[in-house]
Amino acid sequence: MADDCSWRSPRPCETYRAEWKLCRSARHRLHHYYVHGERPSCEQWRRDLASCHDWEQHRNPEAQRSLCESERARAQNAQKYTLVWALRRSPPADWHLPLAQQKDE
């Protein structure tokens, strides 16, 4: 398979294990629930870890394809979010003036 993911996995298997372990940690679960209102799904990290081991031990092309697709999906998901704030090229013209509540005093 001559993809952008060559013969080795995109990440070391230990990285997938660390991500899966972090995803299952109490701190991450609490933070994810607070931010998103639902428990995190760690299933993809577990599948990636299993595919990585399958690729390294048996050179299974299906495991390689699975890892490549997972990494592509992860990269596309990271790019789909837009910036919350509009970036400025220069400061506002009145940046040096006191704020509104300070003007009233």
PDB file of N, CA and C in Angstrom:
ATOM      1  N   MET A   1       0.860  -1.182   0.000  1.00  0.00           N
ATOM      2  CA  MET A   1       0.000   0.000   0.000  1.00  0.00           C
ATOM      3  C   MET A   1       0.899   1.234   0.000  1.00  0.00           C
ATOM      4  N   ALA A   2       0.848   2.042  -1.020  1.00  0.00           N
ATOM      5  CA  ALA A   2       1.718   3.205  -1.136  1.00  0.00           C
ATOM      6  C   ALA A   2       0.953   4.469  -0.805  1.00  0.00           C
ATOM      7  N   ASP A   3       0.496   4.574   0.414  1.00  0.00           N
ATOM      8  CA  ASP A   3      -0.232   5.758   0.875  1.00  0.00           C
ATOM      9  C   ASP A   3       0.748   6.753   1.470  1.00  0.00           C
ATOM     10  N   ASP A   4       0.187   7.870   1.976  1.00  0.00           N
ATOM     11  CA  ASP A   4       1.019   8.805   2.708  1.00  0.00           C
ATOM     12  C   ASP A   4       1.446   8.205   4.047  1.00  0.00           C
ATOM     13  N   CYS A   5       0.817   7.125   4.485  1.00  0.00           N
ATOM     14  CA  CYS A   5       1.260   6.357   5.643  1.00  0.00           C
ATOM     15  C   CYS A   5       2.040   5.183   5.081  1.00  0.00           C
ATOM     16  N   SER A   6       3.352   5.217   5.160  1.00  0.00           N
ATOM     17  CA  SER A   6       4.151   4.163   4.544  1.00  0.00           C
ATOM     18  C   SER A   6       4.088   2.884   5.366  1.00  0.00           C
ATOM     19  N   TRP A   7       5.132   2.113   5.369  1.00  0.00           N
ATOM     20  CA  TRP A   7       5.110   0.790   5.974  1.00  0.00           C
ATOM     21  C   TRP A   7       5.013   0.814   7.483  1.00  0.00           C
ATOM     22  N   ARG A   8       5.302   1.909   8.144  1.00  0.00           N
ATOM     23  CA  ARG A   8       5.201   1.955   9.591  1.00  0.00           C
ATOM     24  C   ARG A   8       3.955   2.733  10.015  1.00  0.00           C
ATOM     25  N   SER A   9       3.525   2.474  11.234  1.00  0.00           N
ATOM     26  CA  SER A   9       2.310   3.144  11.716  1.00  0.00           C
ATOM     27  C   SER A   9       2.571   4.641  11.858  1.00  0.00           C
ATOM     28  N   PRO A  10       1.537   5.468  11.719  1.00  0.00           N
ATOM     29  CA  PRO A  10       1.716   6.921  11.816  1.00  0.00           C
ATOM     30  C   PRO A  10       2.265   7.364  13.167  1.00  0.00           C
ATOM     31  N   ARG A  11       1.942   6.643  14.209  1.00  0.00           N
ATOM     32  CA  ARG A  11       2.446   6.929  15.553  1.00  0.00           C
ATOM     33  C   ARG A  11       2.944   5.624  16.162  1.00  0.00           C
ATOM     34  N   PRO A  12       3.843   5.703  17.114  1.00  0.00           N
ATOM     35  CA  PRO A  12       4.233   4.475  17.819  1.00  0.00           C
ATOM     36  C   PRO A  12       3.044   3.913  18.596  1.00  0.00           C
ATOM     37  N   CYS A  13       3.015   2.613  18.768  1.00  0.00           N
ATOM     38  CA  CYS A  13       1.897   1.982  19.483  1.00  0.00           C
ATOM     39  C   CYS A  13       1.772   2.514  20.906  1.00  0.00           C
ATOM     40  N   GLU A  14       2.886   2.874  21.503  1.00  0.00           N
ATOM     41  CA  GLU A  14       2.845   3.397  22.873  1.00  0.00           C
ATOM     42  C   GLU A  14       2.056   4.713  22.930  1.00  0.00           C
ATOM     43  N   THR A  15       2.080   5.474  21.866  1.00  0.00           N
ATOM     44  CA  THR A  15       1.301   6.718  21.822  1.00  0.00           C
ATOM     45  C   THR A  15      -0.195   6.414  21.843  1.00  0.00           C
ATOM     46  N   TYR A  16      -0.619   5.416  21.077  1.00  0.00           N
ATOM     47  CA  TYR A  16      -2.034   5.034  21.088  1.00  0.00           C
ATOM     48  C   TYR A  16      -2.438   4.512  22.469  1.00  0.00           C
ATOM     49  N   ARG A  17      -1.536   3.753  23.117  1.00  0.00           N
ATOM     50  CA  ARG A  17      -1.824   3.251  24.460  1.00  0.00           C
ATOM     51  C   ARG A  17      -1.967   4.418  25.448  1.00  0.00           C
ATOM     52  N   ALA A  18      -1.075   5.402  25.354  1.00  0.00           N
ATOM     53  CA  ALA A  18      -1.133   6.559  26.254  1.00  0.00           C
ATOM     54  C   ALA A  18      -2.415   7.362  26.031  1.00  0.00           C
ATOM     55  N   GLU A  19      -2.804   7.555  24.777  1.00  0.00           N
ATOM     56  CA  GLU A  19      -4.043   8.295  24.482  1.00  0.00           C
ATOM     57  C   GLU A  19      -5.261   7.539  24.994  1.00  0.00           C
ATOM     58  N   TRP A  20      -5.274   6.233  24.830  1.00  0.00           N
ATOM     59  CA  TRP A  20      -6.389   5.422  25.317  1.00  0.00           C
ATOM     60  C   TRP A  20      -6.462   5.477  26.839  1.00  0.00           C
ATOM     61  N   LYS A  21      -5.297   5.403  27.483  1.00  0.00           N
ATOM     62  CA  LYS A  21      -5.255   5.470  28.946  1.00  0.00           C
ATOM     63  C   LYS A  21      -5.718   6.843  29.434  1.00  0.00           C
ATOM     64  N   LEU A  22      -5.277   7.910  28.775  1.00  0.00           N
ATOM     65  CA  LEU A  22      -5.699   9.266  29.141  1.00  0.00           C
ATOM     66  C   LEU A  22      -7.199   9.433  28.951  1.00  0.00           C
ATOM     67  N   CYS A  23      -7.724   8.918  27.850  1.00  0.00           N
ATOM     68  CA  CYS A  23      -9.154   9.041  27.561  1.00  0.00           C
ATOM     69  C   CYS A  23      -9.997   8.369  28.641  1.00  0.00           C
ATOM     70  N   ARG A  24      -9.495   7.280  29.197  1.00  0.00           N
ATOM     71  CA  ARG A  24     -10.239   6.534  30.213  1.00  0.00           C
ATOM     72  C   ARG A  24     -10.025   7.075  31.624  1.00  0.00           C
ATOM     73  N   SER A  25      -9.140   8.066  31.807  1.00  0.00           N
ATOM     74  CA  SER A  25      -8.852   8.583  33.145  1.00  0.00           C
ATOM     75  C   SER A  25     -10.042   9.373  33.690  1.00  0.00           C
ATOM     76  N   ALA A  26     -10.154   9.397  34.995  1.00  0.00           N
ATOM     77  CA  ALA A  26     -11.264  10.094  35.655  1.00  0.00           C
ATOM     78  C   ALA A  26     -11.218  11.599  35.362  1.00  0.00           C
ATOM     79  N   ARG A  27     -10.028  12.167  35.376  1.00  0.00           N
ATOM     80  CA  ARG A  27      -9.901  13.601  35.131  1.00  0.00           C
ATOM     81  C   ARG A  27     -10.383  13.967  33.721  1.00  0.00           C
ATOM     82  N   HIS A  28      -9.973  13.181  32.734  1.00  0.00           N
ATOM     83  CA  HIS A  28     -10.398  13.470  31.356  1.00  0.00           C
ATOM     84  C   HIS A  28     -11.903  13.276  31.200  1.00  0.00           C
ATOM     85  N   ARG A  29     -12.436  12.214  31.796  1.00  0.00           N
ATOM     86  CA  ARG A  29     -13.880  11.967  31.701  1.00  0.00           C
ATOM     87  C   ARG A  29     -14.673  13.124  32.309  1.00  0.00           C
ATOM     88  N   LEU A  30     -14.235  13.607  33.460  1.00  0.00           N
ATOM     89  CA  LEU A  30     -14.920  14.724  34.114  1.00  0.00           C
ATOM     90  C   LEU A  30     -14.828  15.983  33.256  1.00  0.00           C
ATOM     91  N   HIS A  31     -13.632  16.273  32.750  1.00  0.00           N
ATOM     92  CA  HIS A  31     -13.452  17.462  31.912  1.00  0.00           C
ATOM     93  C   HIS A  31     -14.297  17.365  30.637  1.00  0.00           C
ATOM     94  N   HIS A  32     -14.277  16.219  29.986  1.00  0.00           N
ATOM     95  CA  HIS A  32     -15.042  16.041  28.748  1.00  0.00           C
ATOM     96  C   HIS A  32     -16.540  16.174  29.013  1.00  0.00           C
ATOM     97  N   TYR A  33     -16.999  15.619  30.125  1.00  0.00           N
ATOM     98  CA  TYR A  33     -18.419  15.735  30.455  1.00  0.00           C
ATOM     99  C   TYR A  33     -18.786  17.189  30.733  1.00  0.00           C
ATOM    100  N   TYR A  34     -17.910  17.910  31.420  1.00  0.00           N
ATOM    101  CA  TYR A  34     -18.166  19.323  31.733  1.00  0.00           C
ATOM    102  C   TYR A  34     -18.218  20.149  30.449  1.00  0.00           C
ATOM    103  N   VAL A  35     -17.318  19.897  29.533  1.00  0.00           N
ATOM    104  CA  VAL A  35     -17.238  20.699  28.303  1.00  0.00           C
ATOM    105  C   VAL A  35     -18.309  20.305  27.288  1.00  0.00           C
ATOM    106  N   HIS A  36     -18.501  18.998  27.081  1.00  0.00           N
ATOM    107  CA  HIS A  36     -19.368  18.531  25.997  1.00  0.00           C
ATOM    108  C   HIS A  36     -20.718  17.991  26.464  1.00  0.00           C
ATOM    109  N   GLY A  37     -20.877  17.756  27.762  1.00  0.00           N
ATOM    110  CA  GLY A  37     -22.148  17.266  28.272  1.00  0.00           C
ATOM    111  C   GLY A  37     -22.374  15.787  28.051  1.00  0.00           C
ATOM    112  N   GLU A  38     -21.344  15.051  27.688  1.00  0.00           N
ATOM    113  CA  GLU A  38     -21.460  13.611  27.479  1.00  0.00           C
ATOM    114  C   GLU A  38     -20.125  12.953  27.818  1.00  0.00           C
ATOM    115  N   ARG A  39     -20.167  11.652  28.079  1.00  0.00           N
ATOM    116  CA  ARG A  39     -18.938  10.935  28.382  1.00  0.00           C
ATOM    117  C   ARG A  39     -18.131  10.742  27.103  1.00  0.00           C
ATOM    118  N   PRO A  40     -16.802  10.766  27.192  1.00  0.00           N
ATOM    119  CA  PRO A  40     -15.991  10.593  25.983  1.00  0.00           C
ATOM    120  C   PRO A  40     -16.039   9.156  25.493  1.00  0.00           C
ATOM    121  N   SER A  41     -15.934   8.993  24.210  1.00  0.00           N
ATOM    122  CA  SER A  41     -15.851   7.661  23.616  1.00  0.00           C
ATOM    123  C   SER A  41     -14.382   7.364  23.348  1.00  0.00           C
ATOM    124  N   CYS A  42     -13.860   6.360  23.993  1.00  0.00           N
ATOM    125  CA  CYS A  42     -12.450   5.995  23.853  1.00  0.00           C
ATOM    126  C   CYS A  42     -12.272   4.813  22.903  1.00  0.00           C
ATOM    127  N   GLU A  43     -13.343   4.409  22.261  1.00  0.00           N
ATOM    128  CA  GLU A  43     -13.318   3.220  21.422  1.00  0.00           C
ATOM    129  C   GLU A  43     -12.345   3.365  20.249  1.00  0.00           C
ATOM    130  N   GLN A  44     -12.263   4.549  19.652  1.00  0.00           N
ATOM    131  CA  GLN A  44     -11.370   4.730  18.502  1.00  0.00           C
ATOM    132  C   GLN A  44      -9.915   4.563  18.911  1.00  0.00           C
ATOM    133  N   TRP A  45      -9.547   5.061  20.083  1.00  0.00           N
ATOM    134  CA  TRP A  45      -8.170   4.879  20.556  1.00  0.00           C
ATOM    135  C   TRP A  45      -7.871   3.404  20.793  1.00  0.00           C
ATOM    136  N   ARG A  46      -8.848   2.648  21.307  1.00  0.00           N
ATOM    137  CA  ARG A  46      -8.651   1.222  21.538  1.00  0.00           C
ATOM    138  C   ARG A  46      -8.489   0.485  20.208  1.00  0.00           C
ATOM    139  N   ARG A  47      -9.325   0.848  19.223  1.00  0.00           N
ATOM    140  CA  ARG A  47      -9.208   0.217  17.900  1.00  0.00           C
ATOM    141  C   ARG A  47      -7.867   0.544  17.248  1.00  0.00           C
ATOM    142  N   ASP A  48      -7.437   1.801  17.397  1.00  0.00           N
ATOM    143  CA  ASP A  48      -6.144   2.193  16.827  1.00  0.00           C
ATOM    144  C   ASP A  48      -4.994   1.441  17.490  1.00  0.00           C
ATOM    145  N   LEU A  49      -5.064   1.255  18.787  1.00  0.00           N
ATOM    146  CA  LEU A  49      -4.033   0.505  19.498  1.00  0.00           C
ATOM    147  C   LEU A  49      -3.996  -0.942  19.012  1.00  0.00           C
ATOM    148  N   ALA A  50      -5.167  -1.552  18.873  1.00  0.00           N
ATOM    149  CA  ALA A  50      -5.225  -2.933  18.386  1.00  0.00           C
ATOM    150  C   ALA A  50      -4.708  -3.033  16.950  1.00  0.00           C
ATOM    151  N   SER A  51      -5.069  -2.072  16.110  1.00  0.00           N
ATOM    152  CA  SER A  51      -4.582  -2.077  14.723  1.00  0.00           C
ATOM    153  C   SER A  51      -3.073  -1.882  14.671  1.00  0.00           C
ATOM    154  N   CYS A  52      -2.548  -1.035  15.522  1.00  0.00           N
ATOM    155  CA  CYS A  52      -1.110  -0.794  15.558  1.00  0.00           C
ATOM    156  C   CYS A  52      -0.366  -2.068  15.941  1.00  0.00           C
ATOM    157  N   HIS A  53      -0.856  -2.752  16.963  1.00  0.00           N
ATOM    158  CA  HIS A  53      -0.223  -4.012  17.364  1.00  0.00           C
ATOM    159  C   HIS A  53      -0.354  -5.053  16.252  1.00  0.00           C
ATOM    160  N   ASP A  54      -1.512  -5.094  15.616  1.00  0.00           N
ATOM    161  CA  ASP A  54      -1.733  -6.045  14.523  1.00  0.00           C
ATOM    162  C   ASP A  54      -0.777  -5.765  13.363  1.00  0.00           C
ATOM    163  N   TRP A  55      -0.565  -4.494  13.072  1.00  0.00           N
ATOM    164  CA  TRP A  55       0.349  -4.136  11.992  1.00  0.00           C
ATOM    165  C   TRP A  55       1.787  -4.490  12.356  1.00  0.00           C
ATOM    166  N   GLU A  56       2.211  -4.144  13.578  1.00  0.00           N
ATOM    167  CA  GLU A  56       3.598  -4.392  13.954  1.00  0.00           C
ATOM    168  C   GLU A  56       3.908  -5.874  14.108  1.00  0.00           C
ATOM    169  N   GLN A  57       2.929  -6.665  14.530  1.00  0.00           N
ATOM    170  CA  GLN A  57       3.188  -8.085  14.757  1.00  0.00           C
ATOM    171  C   GLN A  57       2.973  -8.933  13.504  1.00  0.00           C
ATOM    172  N   HIS A  58       1.931  -8.606  12.717  1.00  0.00           N
ATOM    173  CA  HIS A  58       1.563  -9.472  11.594  1.00  0.00           C
ATOM    174  C   HIS A  58       1.633  -8.795  10.229  1.00  0.00           C
ATOM    175  N   ARG A  59       1.936  -7.487  10.204  1.00  0.00           N
ATOM    176  CA  ARG A  59       1.969  -6.719   8.951  1.00  0.00           C
ATOM    177  C   ARG A  59       0.667  -6.855   8.167  1.00  0.00           C
ATOM    178  N   ASN A  60      -0.433  -6.790   8.890  1.00  0.00           N
ATOM    179  CA  ASN A  60      -1.759  -6.910   8.298  1.00  0.00           C
ATOM    180  C   ASN A  60      -2.085  -5.630   7.532  1.00  0.00           C
ATOM    181  N   PRO A  61      -2.312  -5.687   6.213  1.00  0.00           N
ATOM    182  CA  PRO A  61      -2.614  -4.475   5.441  1.00  0.00           C
ATOM    183  C   PRO A  61      -3.939  -3.822   5.859  1.00  0.00           C
ATOM    184  N   GLU A  62      -4.874  -4.613   6.345  1.00  0.00           N
ATOM    185  CA  GLU A  62      -6.145  -4.047   6.823  1.00  0.00           C
ATOM    186  C   GLU A  62      -5.906  -3.161   8.050  1.00  0.00           C
ATOM    187  N   ALA A  63      -5.006  -3.580   8.919  1.00  0.00           N
ATOM    188  CA  ALA A  63      -4.669  -2.775  10.105  1.00  0.00           C
ATOM    189  C   ALA A  63      -3.991  -1.482   9.679  1.00  0.00           C
ATOM    190  N   GLN A  64      -3.127  -1.567   8.681  1.00  0.00           N
ATOM    191  CA  GLN A  64      -2.461  -0.362   8.182  1.00  0.00           C
ATOM    192  C   GLN A  64      -3.482   0.616   7.610  1.00  0.00           C
ATOM    193  N   ARG A  65      -4.405   0.102   6.811  1.00  0.00           N
ATOM    194  CA  ARG A  65      -5.438   0.958   6.204  1.00  0.00           C
ATOM    195  C   ARG A  65      -6.303   1.591   7.289  1.00  0.00           C
ATOM    196  N   SER A  66      -6.643   0.826   8.302  1.00  0.00           N
ATOM    197  CA  SER A  66      -7.452   1.338   9.398  1.00  0.00           C
ATOM    198  C   SER A  66      -6.747   2.479  10.131  1.00  0.00           C
ATOM    199  N   LEU A  67      -5.452   2.306  10.394  1.00  0.00           N
ATOM    200  CA  LEU A  67      -4.691   3.371  11.060  1.00  0.00           C
ATOM    201  C   LEU A  67      -4.595   4.620  10.196  1.00  0.00           C
ATOM    202  N   CYS A  68      -4.351   4.440   8.915  1.00  0.00           N
ATOM    203  CA  CYS A  68      -4.246   5.599   8.015  1.00  0.00           C
ATOM    204  C   CYS A  68      -5.571   6.360   7.946  1.00  0.00           C
ATOM    205  N   GLU A  69      -6.677   5.640   7.826  1.00  0.00           N
ATOM    206  CA  GLU A  69      -7.992   6.295   7.779  1.00  0.00           C
ATOM    207  C   GLU A  69      -8.294   7.013   9.084  1.00  0.00           C
ATOM    208  N   SER A  70      -7.951   6.400  10.189  1.00  0.00           N
ATOM    209  CA  SER A  70      -8.194   7.018  11.493  1.00  0.00           C
ATOM    210  C   SER A  70      -7.396   8.308  11.641  1.00  0.00           C
ATOM    211  N   GLU A  71      -6.138   8.286  11.229  1.00  0.00           N
ATOM    212  CA  GLU A  71      -5.306   9.491  11.323  1.00  0.00           C
ATOM    213  C   GLU A  71      -5.806  10.587  10.384  1.00  0.00           C
ATOM    214  N   ARG A  72      -6.245  10.208   9.183  1.00  0.00           N
ATOM    215  CA  ARG A  72      -6.804  11.208   8.260  1.00  0.00           C
ATOM    216  C   ARG A  72      -8.058  11.846   8.849  1.00  0.00           C
ATOM    217  N   ALA A  73      -8.936  11.008   9.418  1.00  0.00           N
ATOM    218  CA  ALA A  73     -10.164  11.532  10.021  1.00  0.00           C
ATOM    219  C   ALA A  73      -9.842  12.442  11.192  1.00  0.00           C
ATOM    220  N   ARG A  74      -8.851  12.082  11.987  1.00  0.00           N
ATOM    221  CA  ARG A  74      -8.451  12.901  13.131  1.00  0.00           C
ATOM    222  C   ARG A  74      -7.916  14.251  12.665  1.00  0.00           C
ATOM    223  N   ALA A  75      -7.121  14.250  11.595  1.00  0.00           N
ATOM    224  CA  ALA A  75      -6.567  15.494  11.058  1.00  0.00           C
ATOM    225  C   ALA A  75      -7.670  16.370  10.465  1.00  0.00           C
ATOM    226  N   GLN A  76      -8.609  15.767   9.748  1.00  0.00           N
ATOM    227  CA  GLN A  76      -9.708  16.548   9.170  1.00  0.00           C
ATOM    228  C   GLN A  76     -10.601  17.123  10.261  1.00  0.00           C
ATOM    229  N   ASN A  77     -10.830  16.362  11.314  1.00  0.00           N
ATOM    230  CA  ASN A  77     -11.656  16.827  12.417  1.00  0.00           C
ATOM    231  C   ASN A  77     -10.999  18.014  13.118  1.00  0.00           C
ATOM    232  N   ALA A  78      -9.682  17.994  13.235  1.00  0.00           N
ATOM    233  CA  ALA A  78      -8.978  19.092  13.885  1.00  0.00           C
ATOM    234  C   ALA A  78      -9.027  20.365  13.035  1.00  0.00           C
ATOM    235  N   GLN A  79      -9.130  20.239  11.715  1.00  0.00           N
ATOM    236  CA  GLN A  79      -9.123  21.406  10.833  1.00  0.00           C
ATOM    237  C   GLN A  79     -10.498  22.026  10.634  1.00  0.00           C
ATOM    238  N   LYS A  80     -11.545  21.357  11.043  1.00  0.00           N
ATOM    239  CA  LYS A  80     -12.880  21.861  10.714  1.00  0.00           C
ATOM    240  C   LYS A  80     -13.358  22.978  11.629  1.00  0.00           C
ATOM    241  N   TYR A  81     -12.676  23.195  12.746  1.00  0.00           N
ATOM    242  CA  TYR A  81     -13.105  24.236  13.669  1.00  0.00           C
ATOM    243  C   TYR A  81     -12.518  25.574  13.267  1.00  0.00           C
ATOM    244  N   THR A  82     -13.357  26.590  13.305  1.00  0.00           N
ATOM    245  CA  THR A  82     -12.904  27.932  12.964  1.00  0.00           C
ATOM    246  C   THR A  82     -12.507  28.668  14.233  1.00  0.00           C
ATOM    247  N   LEU A  83     -11.795  29.750  14.059  1.00  0.00           N
ATOM    248  CA  LEU A  83     -11.387  30.559  15.204  1.00  0.00           C
ATOM    249  C   LEU A  83     -12.600  31.234  15.828  1.00  0.00           C
ATOM    250  N   VAL A  84     -12.591  31.340  17.137  1.00  0.00           N
ATOM    251  CA  VAL A  84     -13.694  31.977  17.842  1.00  0.00           C
ATOM    252  C   VAL A  84     -13.594  33.496  17.704  1.00  0.00           C
ATOM    253  N   TRP A  85     -12.393  34.026  17.805  1.00  0.00           N
ATOM    254  CA  TRP A  85     -12.181  35.464  17.740  1.00  0.00           C
ATOM    255  C   TRP A  85     -11.649  35.844  16.365  1.00  0.00           C
ATOM    256  N   ALA A  86     -12.096  36.999  15.881  1.00  0.00           N
ATOM    257  CA  ALA A  86     -11.551  37.529  14.632  1.00  0.00           C
ATOM    258  C   ALA A  86     -10.196  38.169  14.943  1.00  0.00           C
ATOM    259  N   LEU A  87      -9.175  37.791  14.198  1.00  0.00           N
ATOM    260  CA  LEU A  87      -7.844  38.326  14.441  1.00  0.00           C
ATOM    261  C   LEU A  87      -7.744  39.745  13.902  1.00  0.00           C
ATOM    262  N   ARG A  88      -7.076  40.624  14.672  1.00  0.00           N
ATOM    263  CA  ARG A  88      -6.896  42.012  14.249  1.00  0.00           C
ATOM    264  C   ARG A  88      -5.513  42.194  13.659  1.00  0.00           C
ATOM    265  N   ARG A  89      -5.415  43.105  12.722  1.00  0.00           N
ATOM    266  CA  ARG A  89      -4.111  43.433  12.132  1.00  0.00           C
ATOM    267  C   ARG A  89      -3.436  44.559  12.912  1.00  0.00           C
ATOM    268  N   SER A  90      -4.239  45.361  13.592  1.00  0.00           N
ATOM    269  CA  SER A  90      -3.690  46.458  14.396  1.00  0.00           C
ATOM    270  C   SER A  90      -4.637  46.717  15.567  1.00  0.00           C
ATOM    271  N   PRO A  91      -4.166  47.382  16.604  1.00  0.00           N
ATOM    272  CA  PRO A  91      -5.041  47.648  17.755  1.00  0.00           C
ATOM    273  C   PRO A  91      -6.125  48.663  17.398  1.00  0.00           C
ATOM    274  N   PRO A  92      -7.212  48.701  18.174  1.00  0.00           N
ATOM    275  CA  PRO A  92      -8.252  49.700  17.911  1.00  0.00           C
ATOM    276  C   PRO A  92      -7.699  51.118  18.075  1.00  0.00           C
ATOM    277  N   ALA A  93      -8.339  52.067  17.417  1.00  0.00           N
ATOM    278  CA  ALA A  93      -7.852  53.455  17.446  1.00  0.00           C
ATOM    279  C   ALA A  93      -7.909  54.043  18.857  1.00  0.00           C
ATOM    280  N   ASP A  94      -8.872  53.619  19.667  1.00  0.00           N
ATOM    281  CA  ASP A  94      -9.019  54.209  21.012  1.00  0.00           C
ATOM    282  C   ASP A  94      -8.485  53.281  22.108  1.00  0.00           C
ATOM    283  N   TRP A  95      -7.488  52.499  21.819  1.00  0.00           N
ATOM    284  CA  TRP A  95      -6.997  51.521  22.784  1.00  0.00           C
ATOM    285  C   TRP A  95      -6.399  52.174  24.024  1.00  0.00           C
ATOM    286  N   HIS A  96      -5.913  53.375  23.908  1.00  0.00           N
ATOM    287  CA  HIS A  96      -5.241  54.046  25.021  1.00  0.00           C
ATOM    288  C   HIS A  96      -6.219  54.786  25.942  1.00  0.00           C
ATOM    289  N   LEU A  97      -7.477  54.923  25.555  1.00  0.00           N
ATOM    290  CA  LEU A  97      -8.459  55.637  26.381  1.00  0.00           C
ATOM    291  C   LEU A  97      -8.917  54.763  27.542  1.00  0.00           C
ATOM    292  N   PRO A  98      -9.369  55.373  28.648  1.00  0.00           N
ATOM    293  CA  PRO A  98      -9.865  54.589  29.780  1.00  0.00           C
ATOM    294  C   PRO A  98     -11.129  53.816  29.392  1.00  0.00           C
ATOM    295  N   LEU A  99     -11.374  52.727  30.067  1.00  0.00           N
ATOM    296  CA  LEU A  99     -12.577  51.939  29.809  1.00  0.00           C
ATOM    297  C   LEU A  99     -13.806  52.683  30.254  1.00  0.00           C
ATOM    298  N   ALA A 100     -14.980  52.257  29.819  1.00  0.00           N
ATOM    299  CA  ALA A 100     -16.228  52.965  30.072  1.00  0.00           C
ATOM    300  C   ALA A 100     -16.496  53.126  31.573  1.00  0.00           C
ATOM    301  N   GLN A 101     -16.288  52.103  32.393  1.00  0.00           N
ATOM    302  CA  GLN A 101     -16.574  52.228  33.823  1.00  0.00           C
ATOM    303  C   GLN A 101     -15.569  53.164  34.492  1.00  0.00           C
ATOM    304  N   GLN A 102     -14.396  53.319  33.954  1.00  0.00           N
ATOM    305  CA  GLN A 102     -13.426  54.235  34.530  1.00  0.00           C
ATOM    306  C   GLN A 102     -13.737  55.678  34.145  1.00  0.00           C
ATOM    307  N   LYS A 103     -14.399  55.904  33.018  1.00  0.00           N
ATOM    308  CA  LYS A 103     -14.773  57.244  32.582  1.00  0.00           C
ATOM    309  C   LYS A 103     -15.799  57.868  33.511  1.00  0.00           C
ATOM    310  N   ASP A 104     -16.701  57.016  34.073  1.00  0.00           N
ATOM    311  CA  ASP A 104     -17.774  57.520  34.916  1.00  0.00           C
ATOM    312  C   ASP A 104     -17.292  57.977  36.291  1.00  0.00           C
ATOM    313  N   GLU A 105     -16.177  57.539  36.729  1.00  0.00           N
ATOM    314  CA  GLU A 105     -15.704  57.862  38.088  1.00  0.00           C
ATOM    315  C   GLU A 105     -15.179  59.244  38.217  1.00  0.00           C
TER     316      GLU A 105
END
